[in-house]
Every structure is written in structure tokens, then in C-alpha cells.
Amino acid sequence: MFERLKAAMSHMSGDLKSPAKDMMNRMRGDPTTPTEYAKAGQKVAPDVTRLLEEDHRVVMGWFDAYRFETDPSYKEAWAVRICTALVAHMQAEEEILYPAARKAFADKGLVDEAEREHDEAKELIDRIVEAGAASSEEEDLVLTLSAAIQAHVAEEESDFFPKVRQTDLDLYELGERLAARRTELLQELTATGPMPARTLH
């Protein structure tokens, strides 16, 4: 799914209006590691669960921006930004946090459920990529993705993260590793140039 999104993004057109193009390009320069936060004069990202919760707040805000946007060009910019951020977030979480939690938890079912929810979100992202820009199908899929992510966030923050905090895991070390990996993934996804205007079939 990651490679498919990356390939689609590399073939997307760049015909966004200038303000939307600026908004999308800012994503590539946002601080994403504790060191970058400090250099930018922002608070250093805390433990891995707090870092992921911050990601959740940001992407849910982007879903709201998508929902209320009326300009098709800007709407598409939000859809691309949401999908890109979610792919990087989920893959980093699956590579860094979930294996550590699986080792630390007595009940492996929590990790299994979180991974299943990620798989559902990835399927929706694949369908959004296939749907094409500014179509009614794309809008329906983005709103379905929003509902799925909201449910996942609620479960993760009310059950999964509290249990992670009760383990002996080094949450700060995990947070630093996850932030660094997420940065790598975002750079890989956006390495072909400015964030694209739309997906192509």
C-alpha cells in the first residue's frame, strides 16, 4: 500500500492554486523529531503515546478542514495530506510501537485489533488513490476513512495507550525512534517534489 501511494503521488499533477501549494509544501518542513521541535522553538515531543496522540489531534483537524472545504483544489490538497500523513503514521507505529507492545503485553489481542484497524484504513486509502481527484466517490471514501480513524483513535487512546504506559517500555526512546522513522517515511513519500494536487489511476 505504501509503495502504491508513493507511486501514485509521483505521477500526480501540480496544478494547485498557489496558497494550497504552499500549505501542502509546509508539511515537508514541519518539525517531526524531538531535535527539530527544539530547534524550531517548540516543545519537545514527549513519550511515544503523547506523540501519537498529537498526531491524532492534527489529522482529525485536517479531516474537519476537508469536510468544510468547498474549493475542489483545496479539498484535494487536504485529502492528499491526510492520506500521506496517515500512511507514515501507521507504518511507523507498526514498525516501532506495536512490536514493543506485543512483547510487553500479556494480552496480544490489543495489538492484533490495532493492526486490523490499520489494515482497514489502508484499504480505504488505496480506494481513495484509485478514485481520483475531487470525485463524489473520493469524498465518500475520505469521510468513511475519517469515521474509521476516529473510532481507532478513541480505542487506542482509551485502552491501548494507557496499557502501554503501565509497561516497563522506555516511552521516550520509542518516541524518538518513531518520530525519526515517521520523518523518513514522509520524506520518502514526498521526495518527488511538492505535495501533489491529485491522485491518478
Foldseek 3Di string as FASTA:
>chain_A
DLVVLLVQFLPFAAPADPVLLVVQQVVLVDDQAQVSCVVVVHHGQAFQVSSVVVLLVVLLVLLVVLVPDDDQQNNLSSLLVSLLLLVLLVVLCVVQPLVVVCVFDPDNVVSVVLVVLSVVLVVLSVVLLAVKGPDPVNVVSSVVSSVSSVVSSVCCVVPVVVVVVVTPDPRRVSNNSSSVSSSVSSCSSCVSDGGHRMGDD
